[in-house]
Protein backbone atom coordinates (compact mmCIF):
# COMPACT_ATOMS: atom_id res chain seq x y z
CA MET A 1 -0.39 31.59 10.95
CA SER A 2 -3.26 31.74 8.46
CA ASN A 3 -6.93 31.82 9.35
CA GLY A 4 -7.37 28.42 7.70
CA LEU A 5 -8.95 27.25 4.49
CA THR A 6 -11.82 29.32 3.11
CA ILE A 7 -14.46 28.50 0.54
CA LYS A 8 -13.78 31.89 -1.05
CA GLU A 9 -10.21 30.89 -1.93
CA PHE A 10 -10.63 27.16 -2.52
CA ASP A 11 -14.01 26.77 -4.24
CA HIS A 12 -13.71 23.83 -6.64
CA LYS A 13 -15.40 25.88 -9.39
CA LEU A 14 -12.53 28.41 -9.47
CA LYS A 15 -10.05 26.36 -11.50
CA GLY A 16 -12.26 24.38 -13.82
CA GLY A 17 -13.89 22.11 -11.28
CA ASN A 18 -11.20 19.42 -11.15
CA PHE A 19 -8.32 21.18 -9.42
CA TYR A 20 -9.74 21.67 -5.91
CA SER A 21 -11.78 19.06 -4.04
CA LYS A 22 -15.56 19.27 -4.34
CA GLY A 23 -15.86 17.38 -1.03
CA LEU A 24 -13.60 19.86 0.76
CA CYS A 25 -15.74 22.71 -0.58
CA ALA A 26 -18.87 21.03 0.76
CA TRP A 27 -17.15 20.67 4.16
CA LEU A 28 -16.08 24.33 4.23
CA LYS A 29 -19.60 25.50 3.32
CA LYS A 30 -21.11 23.39 6.10
CA ASN A 31 -18.31 23.91 8.68
CA PRO A 32 -16.59 27.23 7.86
CA ASP A 33 -14.87 27.50 11.26
CA GLU A 34 -13.61 23.88 11.21
CA ASN A 35 -10.95 24.73 8.64
CA ARG A 36 -7.58 23.78 10.16
CA ILE A 37 -5.49 20.92 8.82
CA VAL A 38 -3.86 18.83 11.54
CA LYS A 39 -1.40 15.94 11.38
CA ALA A 40 -2.77 13.39 13.84
CA VAL A 41 -0.77 10.53 15.35
CA TRP A 42 -3.93 8.50 15.86
CA ASN A 43 -5.90 6.90 13.04
CA SER A 44 -8.90 4.62 12.86
CA PHE A 45 -6.92 1.85 11.17
CA ASP A 46 -4.26 1.07 13.75
CA GLY A 47 -4.85 3.49 16.60
CA TYR A 48 -1.85 5.36 17.99
CA ASN A 49 0.91 5.32 15.39
CA PRO A 50 3.29 8.31 15.14
CA GLN A 51 4.94 6.65 12.10
CA ARG A 52 1.66 6.78 10.18
CA PRO A 53 0.09 10.19 10.79
CA VAL A 54 -3.13 11.16 9.02
CA LEU A 55 -4.42 14.57 8.03
CA MET A 56 -7.52 15.77 9.82
CA ILE A 57 -9.66 18.82 9.14
CA GLY A 58 -11.44 20.65 11.94
CA LYS A 59 -10.55 22.78 14.94
CA PHE A 60 -9.10 22.41 18.39
CA LEU A 61 -11.47 23.01 21.28
CA GLY A 62 -9.05 23.69 24.09
CA ASN A 63 -5.95 21.57 24.63
CA ASP A 64 -7.50 18.12 24.65
CA PHE A 65 -10.45 18.26 22.25
CA PHE A 66 -10.49 18.24 18.45
CA CYS A 67 -13.68 18.57 16.43
CA GLY A 68 -13.41 17.36 12.83
CA ASN A 69 -12.84 14.38 10.56
CA ARG A 70 -10.16 12.72 8.42
CA LEU A 71 -9.38 14.90 5.41
CA ASN A 72 -9.49 11.90 3.05
CA SER A 73 -12.96 10.97 4.31
CA VAL A 74 -14.24 14.49 3.80
CA CYS A 75 -12.82 14.69 0.27
CA ARG A 76 -13.99 11.34 -1.12
CA GLU A 77 -16.82 11.44 -3.66
CA ARG A 78 -19.36 10.16 -1.14
CA GLY A 79 -17.31 11.17 1.86
CA ALA A 80 -18.39 11.53 5.45
CA ARG A 81 -18.84 15.24 6.01
CA LYS A 82 -19.75 14.99 9.68
CA ALA A 83 -17.61 16.38 12.43
CA PHE A 84 -16.67 14.14 15.33
CA VAL A 85 -15.17 15.10 18.68
CA PHE A 86 -11.87 13.44 19.55
CA THR A 87 -10.85 13.57 23.18
CA GLY A 88 -9.21 11.42 25.78
CA ASP A 89 -5.82 9.86 26.31
CA LYS A 90 -6.13 7.23 23.57
CA PHE A 91 -6.10 9.89 20.80
CA HIS A 92 -2.89 11.61 22.04
CA ILE A 93 -4.24 14.99 20.96
CA ASP A 94 -1.36 16.76 22.67
CA GLU A 95 0.84 15.30 19.89
CA TRP A 96 -1.36 16.49 17.00
CA VAL A 97 0.32 19.25 14.97
CA ASP A 98 -1.38 22.05 13.06
CA VAL A 99 0.01 22.00 9.49
CA THR A 100 -2.57 24.32 7.91
CA ASP A 101 -0.10 26.80 6.44
CA GLU A 102 2.06 24.11 4.80
CA PHE A 103 -1.04 22.35 3.50
CA ILE A 104 -2.46 25.58 2.03
CA ASP A 105 0.81 26.27 0.21
CA SER A 106 0.79 22.78 -1.30
CA TYR A 107 -2.97 22.83 -2.06
CA ARG A 108 -2.65 26.12 -3.94
CA LYS A 109 0.09 24.63 -6.14
CA ILE A 110 -1.10 21.08 -6.79
CA GLY A 111 -4.77 20.99 -5.78
CA ARG A 112 -6.32 17.62 -4.96
CA CYS A 113 -2.96 15.85 -5.31
CA ALA A 114 -2.04 17.45 -1.95
CA ILE A 115 -4.85 15.43 -0.39
CA HIS A 116 -4.87 12.13 -2.25
CA GLY A 117 -1.31 11.81 -3.56
CA ASP A 118 -0.90 9.15 -6.24
CA VAL A 119 -4.48 7.91 -5.88
CA ASP A 120 -6.22 10.79 -7.67
CA HIS A 121 -4.12 12.26 -10.49
CA ASP A 122 -5.65 13.94 -13.55
CA PHE A 123 -3.52 12.60 -16.40
CA ASP A 124 -2.60 13.73 -19.86
CA GLU A 125 -1.44 10.64 -21.74
CA ASN A 126 1.16 10.64 -24.48
CA ASN A 127 2.21 7.21 -25.76
CA SER A 128 4.01 5.59 -22.83
CA LEU A 129 3.94 8.63 -20.49
CA ARG A 130 1.26 9.97 -18.18
CA VAL A 131 1.68 13.42 -16.66
CA CYS A 132 -0.63 14.81 -13.99
CA LYS A 133 -2.13 18.15 -15.03
CA ARG A 134 -2.18 19.33 -11.40
CA CYS A 135 1.10 18.30 -9.80
CA GLY A 136 3.24 17.25 -12.77
CA ALA A 137 3.87 13.71 -11.49
CA THR A 138 5.11 11.65 -14.42
CA PHE A 139 4.59 7.94 -14.88
CA GLU A 140 6.14 5.79 -17.59
CA ARG A 141 4.48 2.61 -18.80
CA LYS A 142 6.68 -0.44 -18.28
CA VAL A 143 6.07 -3.96 -19.48
CA GLU A 144 6.98 -6.76 -17.11
CA LEU A 145 7.11 -10.35 -18.22
CA VAL A 146 6.03 -12.56 -15.38
CA GLU A 147 6.55 -16.30 -15.31
CA TRP A 148 3.41 -17.96 -14.00
CA PHE A 149 3.11 -21.56 -12.85
CA THR A 150 -0.07 -23.53 -12.41
CA TRP A 151 -0.67 -27.07 -11.24
CA GLU A 152 -2.79 -29.38 -13.33
CA ARG A 153 -4.17 -32.68 -12.22
CA VAL A 154 -2.62 -35.69 -13.94
CA GLU A 155 -4.86 -38.68 -14.50
CA LYS A 156 -3.20 -42.08 -13.91
């Protein structure tokens, strides 16, 4: 098990400024010991939902406390970089799983795409293809013809 993410290894300035997350760097500078990535079965959108886990960054404080925030929130341009304490039965913290090592492996390889997925690619465009410079995801432009109906008033 690793010691978690470190600003020394994942500073956004290391790989040209666009590979690693600037927001994550700001978090790690402010909260260097809250550096574990956890898959949580609770989220602020629909509460307890094991089918829709979210990634959190922070640290466990004993068996039933977690101090941190949603990774996506931390990494957004104007993200919330405050730590919150999650505790109590409604959060199901006993079901939260530390995935730091897997996340670090992915983050080293594909940078911010490990956090944001298809929402934040850095594309090279070539005619009808887009290829992400970080993760290699390839998208092809397709044209869809859509039949559209409207209703117009008829005067009698």
